[in-house]
Structure formats: structure tokens, C-alpha cells
Amino acid sequence: MEILGIAVVSVFAYLLGSFPTAYLINNKILAAGTNNIGAMNTFRAFRESKGGLRAAAFGLLVAAGDAGKAFLAVYIAKWLLVFGYEPLFGLMAASFFVVLGHCYSVYMKAAKGRFFGGKGLASLFGAAAAMNAVMAVICLGTLIFCILAVELIEKRKLSLKGLIHTLGHQLAGRIVGMIICLIPIFYFSQVFMLALLPAIVLSLLQHKERLERYMVFGE
């Protein structure tokens, strides 16, 4: 019964995570920026044709959708505890597979012939929020602070006008922030930290190619 429960949670979370929010809003997103279906690339895709404010609105809409599907996956995993599985394993399966689905969407495989998706940050936030909303907000604040701090250290200035661009492009700050977020997660619950750790590692791995470019070219 426990194995069946984990299997149900995993498959459901993966299929839910695979839902390509950004692609359904704008199927031309694949020709923009980093060619993925994440919230920041939605902003890039709309920025030239719709303007900054409308692009930001569409980006936030995609982020909300990606976070929402992860929230739902983890929330249902908590509800399916009636299957008798350990909460840790249920939360771990739900958070990992919903992020896996977002990063390697089966729907994009059907539409475009290959598994791909976004970087998983918004989905990570949604999964964390389903476990503890206050913890998720603190992690989001920590991530933004680290991004802005690293940008300030690197360039000696911050621009309010270029804030969204900084949040999307400051790779070193994003990676540092994701790692530091483990501290408040650990403070709230070691179970939550262990449950989110595989999903965090998976999301970090999605930045590998950009990190290699950053280390070589600084971009």
C-alpha cells in the first residue's frame, strides 16, 4: 500500500509538473532568450513585442502557474497520507517529480519531440509553500537578497529599472541563494529540508550549462 501510494504521488506530480504553462500562453517562447518554457523566458519573449510592464505581467502569470502546479502536487501528497506512506517520502516524491516534470515535460516531448522545460525555481517555491508558506516566503526573500547582493558586488551598482533583468540573469547570486535557502528550511523542519533537497539539486543541475558559460565568458 505504501509503495502504491508513493507511485501514485510520483506519477501524478510528474504529469502535473509537465503542464507547460508558458508554452500555452505563448508558443513562440522557444525562439526567445534561453529557449526554455520558464517564467523569465516568458518575460524575454514578450518584452520586445508587448513592452516591459506587460512582459512582467505575463512572466508573473507563468511563475504563478508553475508555482501553483507544484503547490497542488505537494498538497495532494499530504492529503494522500491515508495510503500509509511516510510523510518524508511522500513530500520528497511529490516535490522531486513535479520539478522533474517541469524541467523535462512529457507534453513538450509530444509537441516538439524532446523532453525539456524550465529551470524549476517557481515550482520549487510552490512545493515549499505547500509545506510551509512562511518558510517559502523567507526562502524567496533570501534568494532575491543573494541575487541583488552578488550583482552589487560584481558590478558595484544596482538599477531599479533593470531589476527584473538582474533577477533573471544574475546566475551566481541565484545559485548562492538556492544553497543558502537550505538554512531557513532546516530551521523550520529537517523533514522539509530532506524532502526538498532532491528537487533543489535537480533545479541546480538545470543551471549547469549556463554556469559553464558564466565561468568562461562571465555571462
N, C-alpha and C. Protein backbone atom coordinates (compact mmCIF):
# COMPACT_ATOMS: atom_id res chain seq x y z
N MET A 1 0.83 -1.21 0.00
CA MET A 1 0.00 0.00 0.00
C MET A 1 0.86 1.26 0.00
N GLU A 2 1.97 1.23 0.78
CA GLU A 2 2.85 2.40 0.84
C GLU A 2 3.52 2.63 -0.52
N ILE A 3 4.00 1.56 -1.16
CA ILE A 3 4.65 1.68 -2.45
C ILE A 3 3.67 2.20 -3.50
N LEU A 4 2.44 1.69 -3.45
CA LEU A 4 1.41 2.15 -4.38
C LEU A 4 1.15 3.64 -4.19
N GLY A 5 1.08 4.06 -2.94
CA GLY A 5 0.84 5.48 -2.65
C GLY A 5 1.94 6.37 -3.20
N ILE A 6 3.20 5.99 -3.00
CA ILE A 6 4.33 6.76 -3.50
C ILE A 6 4.32 6.79 -5.03
N ALA A 7 3.98 5.65 -5.64
CA ALA A 7 3.91 5.58 -7.10
C ALA A 7 2.84 6.51 -7.65
N VAL A 8 1.68 6.51 -7.01
CA VAL A 8 0.58 7.39 -7.43
C VAL A 8 0.99 8.85 -7.31
N VAL A 9 1.59 9.20 -6.19
CA VAL A 9 2.04 10.58 -5.96
C VAL A 9 3.07 10.99 -7.01
N SER A 10 4.03 10.10 -7.30
CA SER A 10 5.11 10.40 -8.23
C SER A 10 4.58 10.64 -9.64
N VAL A 11 3.72 9.74 -10.11
CA VAL A 11 3.18 9.86 -11.47
C VAL A 11 2.31 11.11 -11.59
N PHE A 12 1.45 11.32 -10.59
CA PHE A 12 0.58 12.50 -10.62
C PHE A 12 1.40 13.78 -10.61
N ALA A 13 2.42 13.84 -9.74
CA ALA A 13 3.25 15.04 -9.63
C ALA A 13 4.00 15.29 -10.93
N TYR A 14 4.51 14.24 -11.54
CA TYR A 14 5.25 14.42 -12.80
C TYR A 14 4.34 14.96 -13.91
N LEU A 15 3.16 14.37 -14.05
CA LEU A 15 2.24 14.82 -15.08
C LEU A 15 1.77 16.25 -14.83
N LEU A 16 1.56 16.58 -13.56
CA LEU A 16 1.15 17.94 -13.22
C LEU A 16 2.30 18.92 -13.48
N GLY A 17 3.51 18.53 -13.09
CA GLY A 17 4.67 19.38 -13.32
C GLY A 17 4.97 19.59 -14.79
N SER A 18 4.59 18.61 -15.62
CA SER A 18 4.85 18.69 -17.06
C SER A 18 3.98 19.72 -17.77
N PHE A 19 2.91 20.16 -17.11
CA PHE A 19 1.99 21.11 -17.74
C PHE A 19 2.76 22.36 -18.16
N PRO A 20 2.86 22.67 -19.46
CA PRO A 20 3.72 23.76 -19.95
C PRO A 20 3.03 25.11 -19.94
N THR A 21 2.92 25.71 -18.79
CA THR A 21 2.20 26.98 -18.64
C THR A 21 2.64 28.03 -19.65
N ALA A 22 3.95 28.27 -19.72
CA ALA A 22 4.47 29.34 -20.59
C ALA A 22 4.19 29.04 -22.06
N TYR A 23 4.35 27.80 -22.46
CA TYR A 23 4.18 27.44 -23.87
C TYR A 23 2.72 27.63 -24.30
N LEU A 24 1.79 27.36 -23.41
CA LEU A 24 0.38 27.53 -23.74
C LEU A 24 0.01 29.01 -23.84
N ILE A 25 0.69 29.85 -23.07
CA ILE A 25 0.43 31.28 -23.13
C ILE A 25 1.05 31.89 -24.39
N ASN A 26 2.23 31.44 -24.76
CA ASN A 26 2.91 31.97 -25.95
C ASN A 26 3.81 30.89 -26.53
N ASN A 27 3.37 30.24 -27.60
CA ASN A 27 4.15 29.14 -28.16
C ASN A 27 5.39 29.61 -28.92
N LYS A 28 5.58 30.94 -29.02
CA LYS A 28 6.78 31.47 -29.65
C LYS A 28 7.92 31.66 -28.65
N ILE A 29 7.66 31.26 -27.42
CA ILE A 29 8.65 31.45 -26.35
C ILE A 29 9.95 30.70 -26.64
N LEU A 30 9.86 29.61 -27.39
CA LEU A 30 11.04 28.78 -27.65
C LEU A 30 12.06 29.49 -28.53
N ALA A 31 11.65 30.57 -29.18
CA ALA A 31 12.57 31.32 -30.04
C ALA A 31 13.23 32.47 -29.28
N ALA A 32 12.90 32.63 -28.01
CA ALA A 32 13.41 33.77 -27.23
C ALA A 32 14.41 33.34 -26.18
N GLY A 33 15.32 34.24 -25.86
CA GLY A 33 16.22 34.08 -24.72
C GLY A 33 16.92 32.74 -24.64
N THR A 34 16.64 32.01 -23.55
CA THR A 34 17.29 30.73 -23.30
C THR A 34 16.51 29.56 -23.90
N ASN A 35 15.46 29.86 -24.65
CA ASN A 35 14.69 28.84 -25.38
C ASN A 35 13.99 27.82 -24.48
N ASN A 36 13.76 28.18 -23.21
CA ASN A 36 13.03 27.25 -22.34
C ASN A 36 11.63 27.79 -22.06
N ILE A 37 10.87 27.06 -21.25
CA ILE A 37 9.48 27.46 -21.00
C ILE A 37 9.29 27.90 -19.55
N GLY A 38 10.23 28.70 -19.06
CA GLY A 38 10.14 29.22 -17.71
C GLY A 38 9.56 30.63 -17.67
N ALA A 39 9.35 31.14 -16.47
CA ALA A 39 8.75 32.46 -16.29
C ALA A 39 9.65 33.57 -16.82
N MET A 40 10.96 33.49 -16.56
CA MET A 40 11.86 34.54 -17.01
C MET A 40 11.96 34.58 -18.53
N ASN A 41 11.90 33.41 -19.16
CA ASN A 41 11.96 33.41 -20.62
C ASN A 41 10.66 33.93 -21.22
N THR A 42 9.56 33.79 -20.49
CA THR A 42 8.30 34.39 -20.91
C THR A 42 8.45 35.91 -20.94
N PHE A 43 9.08 36.44 -19.91
CA PHE A 43 9.34 37.89 -19.86
C PHE A 43 10.16 38.32 -21.07
N ARG A 44 11.20 37.56 -21.39
CA ARG A 44 12.05 37.90 -22.53
C ARG A 44 11.26 37.85 -23.84
N ALA A 45 10.40 36.83 -23.96
CA ALA A 45 9.64 36.65 -25.20
C ALA A 45 8.66 37.78 -25.45
N PHE A 46 8.08 38.33 -24.37
CA PHE A 46 7.08 39.38 -24.50
C PHE A 46 7.66 40.79 -24.46
N ARG A 47 8.89 40.92 -23.99
CA ARG A 47 9.43 42.26 -23.73
C ARG A 47 9.50 43.13 -24.99
N GLU A 48 9.94 42.57 -26.10
CA GLU A 48 10.09 43.37 -27.31
C GLU A 48 8.75 43.72 -27.95
N SER A 49 7.81 42.76 -27.94
CA SER A 49 6.55 42.99 -28.63
C SER A 49 5.49 43.66 -27.75
N LYS A 50 5.53 43.42 -26.45
CA LYS A 50 4.48 43.92 -25.56
C LYS A 50 4.94 45.04 -24.63
N GLY A 51 6.25 45.23 -24.49
CA GLY A 51 6.74 46.24 -23.56
C GLY A 51 7.05 45.63 -22.20
N GLY A 52 7.83 46.35 -21.40
CA GLY A 52 8.31 45.83 -20.13
C GLY A 52 7.24 45.45 -19.13
N LEU A 53 6.24 46.33 -18.94
CA LEU A 53 5.23 46.07 -17.92
C LEU A 53 4.35 44.87 -18.28
N ARG A 54 3.92 44.80 -19.50
CA ARG A 54 3.10 43.66 -19.93
C ARG A 54 3.91 42.38 -19.93
N ALA A 55 5.17 42.47 -20.30
CA ALA A 55 6.04 41.29 -20.26
C ALA A 55 6.20 40.79 -18.84
N ALA A 56 6.36 41.73 -17.89
CA ALA A 56 6.48 41.35 -16.48
C ALA A 56 5.20 40.70 -15.98
N ALA A 57 4.06 41.21 -16.42
CA ALA A 57 2.78 40.63 -16.01
C ALA A 57 2.63 39.20 -16.52
N PHE A 58 3.01 38.96 -17.77
CA PHE A 58 2.94 37.61 -18.32
C PHE A 58 3.93 36.69 -17.61
N GLY A 59 5.12 37.22 -17.30
CA GLY A 59 6.11 36.43 -16.57
C GLY A 59 5.61 36.01 -15.20
N LEU A 60 4.96 36.96 -14.50
CA LEU A 60 4.40 36.64 -13.19
C LEU A 60 3.26 35.64 -13.29
N LEU A 61 2.48 35.73 -14.35
CA LEU A 61 1.39 34.78 -14.57
C LEU A 61 1.93 33.36 -14.74
N VAL A 62 3.00 33.23 -15.52
CA VAL A 62 3.62 31.92 -15.72
C VAL A 62 4.23 31.42 -14.41
N ALA A 63 4.91 32.31 -13.67
CA ALA A 63 5.50 31.92 -12.40
C ALA A 63 4.43 31.43 -11.43
N ALA A 64 3.29 32.13 -11.41
CA ALA A 64 2.19 31.72 -10.53
C ALA A 64 1.65 30.35 -10.95
N GLY A 65 1.53 30.12 -12.25
CA GLY A 65 1.06 28.83 -12.73
C GLY A 65 2.02 27.70 -12.40
N ASP A 66 3.31 27.95 -12.59
CA ASP A 66 4.32 26.93 -12.30
C ASP A 66 4.43 26.65 -10.80
N ALA A 67 4.30 27.70 -10.00
CA ALA A 67 4.31 27.50 -8.54
C ALA A 67 3.03 26.79 -8.10
N GLY A 68 1.91 27.17 -8.73
CA GLY A 68 0.62 26.59 -8.36
C GLY A 68 0.55 25.10 -8.61
N LYS A 69 1.09 24.63 -9.72
CA LYS A 69 1.03 23.20 -10.01
C LYS A 69 1.89 22.41 -9.01
N ALA A 70 3.01 22.99 -8.58
CA ALA A 70 3.84 22.32 -7.58
C ALA A 70 3.17 22.32 -6.21
N PHE A 71 2.53 23.45 -5.89
CA PHE A 71 1.79 23.53 -4.62
C PHE A 71 0.72 22.45 -4.57
N LEU A 72 -0.01 22.31 -5.67
CA LEU A 72 -1.09 21.32 -5.73
C LEU A 72 -0.54 19.90 -5.59
N ALA A 73 0.59 19.62 -6.25
CA ALA A 73 1.18 18.27 -6.18
C ALA A 73 1.56 17.90 -4.76
N VAL A 74 2.21 18.83 -4.06
CA VAL A 74 2.66 18.54 -2.68
C VAL A 74 1.47 18.51 -1.73
N TYR A 75 0.50 19.40 -1.95
CA TYR A 75 -0.70 19.41 -1.10
C TYR A 75 -1.44 18.08 -1.21
N ILE A 76 -1.56 17.57 -2.42
CA ILE A 76 -2.25 16.29 -2.61
C ILE A 76 -1.44 15.15 -2.01
N ALA A 77 -0.11 15.24 -2.06
CA ALA A 77 0.73 14.22 -1.42
C ALA A 77 0.48 14.18 0.08
N LYS A 78 0.25 15.35 0.68
CA LYS A 78 -0.08 15.40 2.11
C LYS A 78 -1.46 14.80 2.37
N TRP A 79 -2.38 15.05 1.45
CA TRP A 79 -3.73 14.52 1.59
C TRP A 79 -3.76 13.00 1.42
N LEU A 80 -2.86 12.47 0.57
CA LEU A 80 -2.83 11.03 0.29
C LEU A 80 -2.05 10.24 1.33
N LEU A 81 -1.74 10.88 2.45
CA LEU A 81 -1.08 10.15 3.54
C LEU A 81 -1.94 8.99 4.04
N VAL A 82 -3.21 8.98 3.64
CA VAL A 82 -4.09 7.86 4.00
C VAL A 82 -3.58 6.55 3.42
N PHE A 83 -2.71 6.62 2.40
CA PHE A 83 -2.10 5.41 1.85
C PHE A 83 -1.13 4.77 2.82
N GLY A 84 -0.75 5.53 3.85
CA GLY A 84 0.10 4.96 4.90
C GLY A 84 1.59 5.14 4.68
N TYR A 85 2.03 5.91 3.68
CA TYR A 85 3.47 6.08 3.48
C TYR A 85 4.01 7.14 4.43
N GLU A 86 5.32 7.10 4.62
CA GLU A 86 5.98 8.08 5.48
C GLU A 86 5.85 9.47 4.86
N PRO A 87 5.49 10.47 5.66
CA PRO A 87 5.35 11.84 5.12
C PRO A 87 6.59 12.31 4.37
N LEU A 88 7.79 12.00 4.88
CA LEU A 88 9.02 12.42 4.23
C LEU A 88 9.09 11.92 2.80
N PHE A 89 8.80 10.63 2.60
CA PHE A 89 8.91 10.05 1.27
C PHE A 89 7.83 10.59 0.32
N GLY A 90 6.65 10.83 0.87
CA GLY A 90 5.59 11.39 0.05
C GLY A 90 5.91 12.80 -0.41
N LEU A 91 6.38 13.63 0.52
CA LEU A 91 6.74 15.01 0.17
C LEU A 91 7.94 15.05 -0.76
N MET A 92 8.90 14.16 -0.53
CA MET A 92 10.09 14.10 -1.38
C MET A 92 9.71 13.70 -2.80
N ALA A 93 8.86 12.68 -2.93
CA ALA A 93 8.44 12.22 -4.25
C ALA A 93 7.66 13.31 -4.99
N ALA A 94 6.75 13.96 -4.28
CA ALA A 94 5.92 14.99 -4.92
C ALA A 94 6.76 16.17 -5.38
N SER A 95 7.64 16.68 -4.52
CA SER A 95 8.44 17.86 -4.87
C SER A 95 9.45 17.53 -5.96
N PHE A 96 10.07 16.35 -5.89
CA PHE A 96 11.06 15.99 -6.91
C PHE A 96 10.40 15.78 -8.27
N PHE A 97 9.32 15.03 -8.30
CA PHE A 97 8.73 14.68 -9.59
C PHE A 97 7.97 15.85 -10.22
N VAL A 98 7.45 16.76 -9.41
CA VAL A 98 6.80 17.93 -10.02
C VAL A 98 7.84 18.84 -10.65
N VAL A 99 9.02 18.97 -10.03
CA VAL A 99 10.11 19.75 -10.62
C VAL A 99 10.68 19.01 -11.83
N LEU A 100 10.79 17.68 -11.73
CA LEU A 100 11.26 16.89 -12.87
C LEU A 100 10.35 17.08 -14.07
N GLY A 101 9.03 17.06 -13.82
CA GLY A 101 8.08 17.25 -14.90
C GLY A 101 8.21 18.63 -15.52
N HIS A 102 8.45 19.64 -14.68
CA HIS A 102 8.62 21.00 -15.20
C HIS A 102 9.88 21.10 -16.06
N CYS A 103 10.95 20.46 -15.63
CA CYS A 103 12.22 20.55 -16.35
C CYS A 103 12.26 19.65 -17.60
N TYR A 104 11.54 18.53 -17.54
CA TYR A 104 11.52 17.57 -18.65
C TYR A 104 10.07 17.17 -18.92
N SER A 105 9.37 18.05 -19.58
CA SER A 105 7.92 17.90 -19.77
C SER A 105 7.58 16.84 -20.82
N VAL A 106 6.72 15.90 -20.43
CA VAL A 106 6.27 14.88 -21.37
C VAL A 106 5.38 15.49 -22.45
N TYR A 107 4.69 16.58 -22.11
CA TYR A 107 3.85 17.25 -23.10
C TYR A 107 4.71 17.94 -24.17
N MET A 108 5.86 18.49 -23.78
CA MET A 108 6.76 19.09 -24.76
C MET A 108 7.41 18.01 -25.60
N LYS A 109 7.61 16.83 -25.03
CA LYS A 109 8.10 15.70 -25.80
C LYS A 109 7.11 15.35 -26.90
N ALA A 110 5.82 15.35 -26.56
CA ALA A 110 4.79 15.04 -27.55
C ALA A 110 4.68 16.14 -28.61
N ALA A 111 4.87 17.40 -28.19
CA ALA A 111 4.70 18.52 -29.11
C ALA A 111 5.93 18.79 -29.96
N LYS A 112 7.12 18.63 -29.35
CA LYS A 112 8.35 19.03 -30.03
C LYS A 112 9.36 17.90 -30.21
N GLY A 113 9.04 16.71 -29.71
CA GLY A 113 9.91 15.57 -29.95
C GLY A 113 11.06 15.40 -28.98
N ARG A 114 11.12 16.20 -27.94
CA ARG A 114 12.17 16.03 -26.93
C ARG A 114 11.69 16.50 -25.57
N PHE A 115 12.31 15.96 -24.53
CA PHE A 115 11.97 16.35 -23.17
C PHE A 115 12.74 17.62 -22.80
N PHE A 116 12.03 18.66 -22.47
CA PHE A 116 12.68 19.88 -21.98
C PHE A 116 11.62 20.71 -21.26
N GLY A 117 12.07 21.79 -20.63
CA GLY A 117 11.14 22.63 -19.87
C GLY A 117 11.85 23.86 -19.34
N GLY A 118 11.59 24.19 -18.06
CA GLY A 118 12.21 25.35 -17.44
C GLY A 118 13.29 24.94 -16.45
N LYS A 119 13.67 25.86 -15.58
CA LYS A 119 14.73 25.60 -14.60
C LYS A 119 14.20 25.11 -13.26
N GLY A 120 12.90 25.28 -13.02
CA GLY A 120 12.30 24.70 -11.82
C GLY A 120 12.22 25.58 -10.59
N LEU A 121 12.63 26.85 -10.69
CA LEU A 121 12.64 27.71 -9.50
C LEU A 121 11.23 28.00 -8.98
N ALA A 122 10.33 28.38 -9.88
CA ALA A 122 8.96 28.69 -9.45
C ALA A 122 8.29 27.45 -8.88
N SER A 123 8.55 26.30 -9.48
CA SER A 123 7.98 25.06 -8.97
C SER A 123 8.53 24.71 -7.59
N LEU A 124 9.81 24.98 -7.40
CA LEU A 124 10.40 24.77 -6.07
C LEU A 124 9.71 25.63 -5.02
N PHE A 125 9.45 26.88 -5.37
CA PHE A 125 8.76 27.78 -4.44
C PHE A 125 7.38 27.25 -4.11
N GLY A 126 6.64 26.78 -5.12
CA GLY A 126 5.30 26.24 -4.88
C GLY A 126 5.33 25.02 -3.98
N ALA A 127 6.31 24.14 -4.19
CA ALA A 127 6.44 22.94 -3.34
C ALA A 127 6.74 23.33 -1.90
N ALA A 128 7.64 24.30 -1.73
CA ALA A 128 7.98 24.76 -0.38
C ALA A 128 6.78 25.42 0.29
N ALA A 129 6.01 26.20 -0.48
CA ALA A 129 4.85 26.89 0.07
C ALA A 129 3.80 25.90 0.55
N ALA A 130 3.67 24.76 -0.13
CA ALA A 130 2.70 23.75 0.30
C ALA A 130 3.12 23.11 1.61
N MET A 131 4.41 23.09 1.89
CA MET A 131 4.91 22.54 3.15
C MET A 131 4.78 23.56 4.27
N ASN A 132 5.20 24.81 3.99
CA ASN A 132 5.10 25.87 4.98
C ASN A 132 5.20 27.21 4.26
N ALA A 133 4.14 27.99 4.26
CA ALA A 133 4.09 29.23 3.49
C ALA A 133 5.10 30.26 3.99
N VAL A 134 5.25 30.37 5.31
CA VAL A 134 6.20 31.34 5.87
C VAL A 134 7.62 30.97 5.45
N MET A 135 7.92 29.70 5.53
CA MET A 135 9.24 29.21 5.10
C MET A 135 9.51 29.56 3.64
N ALA A 136 8.51 29.38 2.80
CA ALA A 136 8.67 29.67 1.37
C ALA A 136 8.93 31.15 1.13
N VAL A 137 8.21 32.02 1.83
CA VAL A 137 8.39 33.46 1.66
C VAL A 137 9.79 33.88 2.13
N ILE A 138 10.26 33.31 3.23
CA ILE A 138 11.61 33.61 3.72
C ILE A 138 12.66 33.16 2.71
N CYS A 139 12.45 31.98 2.13
CA CYS A 139 13.38 31.48 1.12
C CYS A 139 13.39 32.38 -0.12
N LEU A 140 12.22 32.84 -0.52
CA LEU A 140 12.13 33.74 -1.67
C LEU A 140 12.88 35.04 -1.39
N GLY A 141 12.68 35.58 -0.18
CA GLY A 141 13.39 36.80 0.21
C GLY A 141 14.89 36.59 0.25
N THR A 142 15.31 35.43 0.75
CA THR A 142 16.74 35.09 0.81
C THR A 142 17.33 35.01 -0.59
N LEU A 143 16.60 34.37 -1.50
CA LEU A 143 17.06 34.22 -2.88
C LEU A 143 17.22 35.58 -3.55
N ILE A 144 16.21 36.44 -3.41
CA ILE A 144 16.27 37.77 -4.03
C ILE A 144 17.42 38.58 -3.43
N PHE A 145 17.57 38.51 -2.11
CA PHE A 145 18.67 39.24 -1.45
C PHE A 145 20.02 38.79 -1.99
N CYS A 146 20.22 37.48 -2.12
CA CYS A 146 21.50 36.96 -2.60
C CYS A 146 21.77 37.39 -4.05
N ILE A 147 20.73 37.37 -4.88
CA ILE A 147 20.89 37.79 -6.27
C ILE A 147 21.32 39.26 -6.34
N LEU A 148 20.64 40.10 -5.58
CA LEU A 148 20.97 41.54 -5.60
C LEU A 148 22.33 41.81 -4.97
N ALA A 149 22.67 41.07 -3.91
CA ALA A 149 23.96 41.26 -3.24
C ALA A 149 25.11 40.90 -4.17
N VAL A 150 25.01 39.77 -4.85
CA VAL A 150 26.08 39.36 -5.77
C VAL A 150 26.18 40.33 -6.95
N GLU A 151 25.02 40.80 -7.44
CA GLU A 151 25.03 41.78 -8.54
C GLU A 151 25.74 43.05 -8.10
N LEU A 152 25.47 43.49 -6.88
CA LEU A 152 26.11 44.71 -6.35
C LEU A 152 27.61 44.50 -6.19
N ILE A 153 28.01 43.33 -5.72
CA ILE A 153 29.44 43.03 -5.55
C ILE A 153 30.15 42.99 -6.90
N GLU A 154 29.50 42.38 -7.89
CA GLU A 154 30.12 42.22 -9.20
C GLU A 154 30.19 43.54 -9.98
N LYS A 155 29.10 44.32 -9.96
CA LYS A 155 29.03 45.50 -10.83
C LYS A 155 29.08 46.83 -10.09
N ARG A 156 29.10 46.77 -8.74
CA ARG A 156 29.20 47.96 -7.91
C ARG A 156 27.99 48.90 -8.04
N LYS A 157 26.89 48.41 -8.61
CA LYS A 157 25.70 49.24 -8.72
C LYS A 157 24.47 48.36 -8.93
N LEU A 158 23.32 48.92 -8.58
CA LEU A 158 22.04 48.27 -8.81
C LEU A 158 21.11 49.26 -9.50
N SER A 159 20.34 48.77 -10.45
CA SER A 159 19.42 49.62 -11.18
C SER A 159 17.99 49.14 -10.96
N LEU A 160 17.13 50.02 -10.46
CA LEU A 160 15.73 49.66 -10.27
C LEU A 160 15.08 49.35 -11.61
N LYS A 161 15.47 50.08 -12.63
CA LYS A 161 14.92 49.88 -13.96
C LYS A 161 15.27 48.50 -14.50
N GLY A 162 16.46 48.02 -14.17
CA GLY A 162 16.89 46.71 -14.67
C GLY A 162 16.73 45.60 -13.65
N LEU A 163 15.83 45.79 -12.67
CA LEU A 163 15.68 44.83 -11.58
C LEU A 163 15.25 43.45 -12.09
N ILE A 164 14.26 43.41 -12.97
CA ILE A 164 13.77 42.12 -13.47
C ILE A 164 14.87 41.42 -14.27
N HIS A 165 15.59 42.20 -15.07
CA HIS A 165 16.70 41.63 -15.83
C HIS A 165 17.74 41.02 -14.89
N THR A 166 18.04 41.73 -13.80
CA THR A 166 19.01 41.23 -12.82
C THR A 166 18.54 39.93 -12.18
N LEU A 167 17.28 39.88 -11.78
CA LEU A 167 16.74 38.68 -11.14
C LEU A 167 16.79 37.48 -12.08
N GLY A 168 16.67 37.73 -13.37
CA GLY A 168 16.68 36.63 -14.32
C GLY A 168 18.05 36.22 -14.80
N HIS A 169 19.02 37.16 -14.76
CA HIS A 169 20.32 36.89 -15.36
C HIS A 169 21.46 36.71 -14.37
N GLN A 170 21.27 37.10 -13.12
CA GLN A 170 22.36 37.00 -12.14
C GLN A 170 22.47 35.54 -11.67
N LEU A 171 23.23 34.77 -12.40
CA LEU A 171 23.31 33.32 -12.18
C LEU A 171 24.02 32.96 -10.88
N ALA A 172 25.16 33.60 -10.61
CA ALA A 172 25.91 33.28 -9.41
C ALA A 172 25.08 33.55 -8.15
N GLY A 173 24.39 34.69 -8.14
CA GLY A 173 23.55 35.03 -6.99
C GLY A 173 22.40 34.05 -6.82
N ARG A 174 21.84 33.57 -7.94
CA ARG A 174 20.75 32.61 -7.88
C ARG A 174 21.21 31.30 -7.25
N ILE A 175 22.38 30.82 -7.68
CA ILE A 175 22.89 29.54 -7.16
C ILE A 175 23.26 29.67 -5.69
N VAL A 176 23.93 30.77 -5.34
CA VAL A 176 24.27 31.00 -3.92
C VAL A 176 23.00 31.07 -3.08
N GLY A 177 21.99 31.78 -3.58
CA GLY A 177 20.74 31.92 -2.85
C GLY A 177 20.03 30.60 -2.65
N MET A 178 20.01 29.76 -3.68
CA MET A 178 19.35 28.45 -3.56
C MET A 178 20.02 27.59 -2.50
N ILE A 179 21.34 27.68 -2.42
CA ILE A 179 22.07 26.89 -1.42
C ILE A 179 21.83 27.45 -0.02
N ILE A 180 21.88 28.77 0.11
CA ILE A 180 21.67 29.40 1.43
C ILE A 180 20.25 29.17 1.93
N CYS A 181 19.31 29.02 1.01
CA CYS A 181 17.91 28.76 1.42
C CYS A 181 17.75 27.49 2.24
N LEU A 182 18.73 26.60 2.16
CA LEU A 182 18.67 25.38 2.97
C LEU A 182 18.70 25.70 4.46
N ILE A 183 19.27 26.86 4.82
CA ILE A 183 19.37 27.22 6.24
C ILE A 183 17.99 27.49 6.85
N PRO A 184 17.18 28.40 6.27
CA PRO A 184 15.84 28.59 6.85
C PRO A 184 14.96 27.35 6.73
N ILE A 185 15.14 26.57 5.65
CA ILE A 185 14.34 25.34 5.53
C ILE A 185 14.69 24.39 6.66
N PHE A 186 15.99 24.23 6.96
CA PHE A 186 16.43 23.37 8.06
C PHE A 186 15.87 23.88 9.39
N TYR A 187 15.84 25.21 9.54
CA TYR A 187 15.32 25.79 10.78
C TYR A 187 13.86 25.43 10.99
N PHE A 188 13.07 25.48 9.93
CA PHE A 188 11.65 25.17 10.06
C PHE A 188 11.41 23.68 10.27
N SER A 189 12.11 22.85 9.52
CA SER A 189 11.88 21.41 9.64
C SER A 189 12.96 20.64 8.89
N GLN A 190 13.61 19.71 9.59
CA GLN A 190 14.58 18.85 8.92
C GLN A 190 13.90 17.95 7.90
N VAL A 191 12.66 17.59 8.18
CA VAL A 191 11.90 16.76 7.24
C VAL A 191 11.67 17.53 5.94
N PHE A 192 11.29 18.79 6.04
CA PHE A 192 11.08 19.61 4.86
C PHE A 192 12.37 19.76 4.06
N MET A 193 13.50 19.94 4.77
CA MET A 193 14.77 20.10 4.09
C MET A 193 15.12 18.85 3.30
N LEU A 194 14.98 17.70 3.95
CA LEU A 194 15.28 16.43 3.27
C LEU A 194 14.32 16.19 2.12
N ALA A 195 13.06 16.59 2.30
CA ALA A 195 12.06 16.39 1.25
C ALA A 195 12.35 17.26 0.03
N LEU A 196 12.84 18.47 0.25
CA LEU A 196 13.09 19.40 -0.85
C LEU A 196 14.47 19.25 -1.48
N LEU A 197 15.40 18.62 -0.76
CA LEU A 197 16.79 18.57 -1.22
C LEU A 197 16.96 17.96 -2.62
N PRO A 198 16.33 16.81 -2.92
CA PRO A 198 16.49 16.27 -4.28
C PRO A 198 15.97 17.22 -5.36
N ALA A 199 14.87 17.90 -5.09
CA ALA A 199 14.32 18.84 -6.06
C ALA A 199 15.23 20.06 -6.23
N ILE A 200 15.83 20.51 -5.13
CA ILE A 200 16.76 21.64 -5.21
C ILE A 200 17.99 21.26 -6.04
N VAL A 201 18.52 20.07 -5.80
CA VAL A 201 19.68 19.60 -6.57
C VAL A 201 19.32 19.50 -8.05
N LEU A 202 18.14 18.97 -8.35
CA LEU A 202 17.69 18.86 -9.73
C LEU A 202 17.62 20.23 -10.39
N SER A 203 17.06 21.21 -9.70
CA SER A 203 16.96 22.56 -10.25
C SER A 203 18.34 23.18 -10.45
N LEU A 204 19.24 22.95 -9.51
CA LEU A 204 20.60 23.47 -9.65
C LEU A 204 21.29 22.88 -10.88
N LEU A 205 21.05 21.60 -11.15
CA LEU A 205 21.66 20.94 -12.30
C LEU A 205 21.17 21.53 -13.62
N GLN A 206 19.96 22.10 -13.61
CA GLN A 206 19.44 22.72 -14.83
C GLN A 206 20.22 23.98 -15.20
N HIS A 207 21.00 24.50 -14.25
CA HIS A 207 21.79 25.71 -14.50
C HIS A 207 23.21 25.38 -14.92
N LYS A 208 23.53 24.09 -15.09
CA LYS A 208 24.90 23.67 -15.35
C LYS A 208 25.47 24.31 -16.62
N GLU A 209 24.71 24.28 -17.70
CA GLU A 209 25.20 24.83 -18.97
C GLU A 209 25.45 26.32 -18.87
N ARG A 210 24.51 27.05 -18.26
CA ARG A 210 24.69 28.50 -18.10
C ARG A 210 25.84 28.80 -17.16
N LEU A 211 26.02 27.96 -16.13
CA LEU A 211 27.11 28.17 -15.19
C LEU A 211 28.46 28.01 -15.88
N GLU A 212 28.55 27.02 -16.77
CA GLU A 212 29.80 26.81 -17.50
C GLU A 212 30.12 28.02 -18.38
N ARG A 213 29.08 28.58 -19.04
CA ARG A 213 29.29 29.79 -19.85
C ARG A 213 29.71 30.96 -18.96
N TYR A 214 29.06 31.04 -17.80
CA TYR A 214 29.36 32.13 -16.87
C TYR A 214 30.80 32.08 -16.40
N MET A 215 31.30 30.86 -16.11
CA MET A 215 32.66 30.70 -15.62
C MET A 215 33.67 31.05 -16.72
N VAL A 216 33.31 30.77 -17.99
CA VAL A 216 34.26 31.01 -19.08
C VAL A 216 34.14 32.44 -19.62
N PHE A 217 32.89 32.86 -19.87
CA PHE A 217 32.67 34.15 -20.55
C PHE A 217 32.13 35.24 -19.62
N GLY A 218 31.71 34.86 -18.41
CA GLY A 218 31.16 35.85 -17.49
C GLY A 218 29.79 36.32 -17.87
N GLU A 219 29.00 35.46 -18.56
CA GLU A 219 27.67 35.88 -19.00
C GLU A 219 26.63 34.84 -18.60
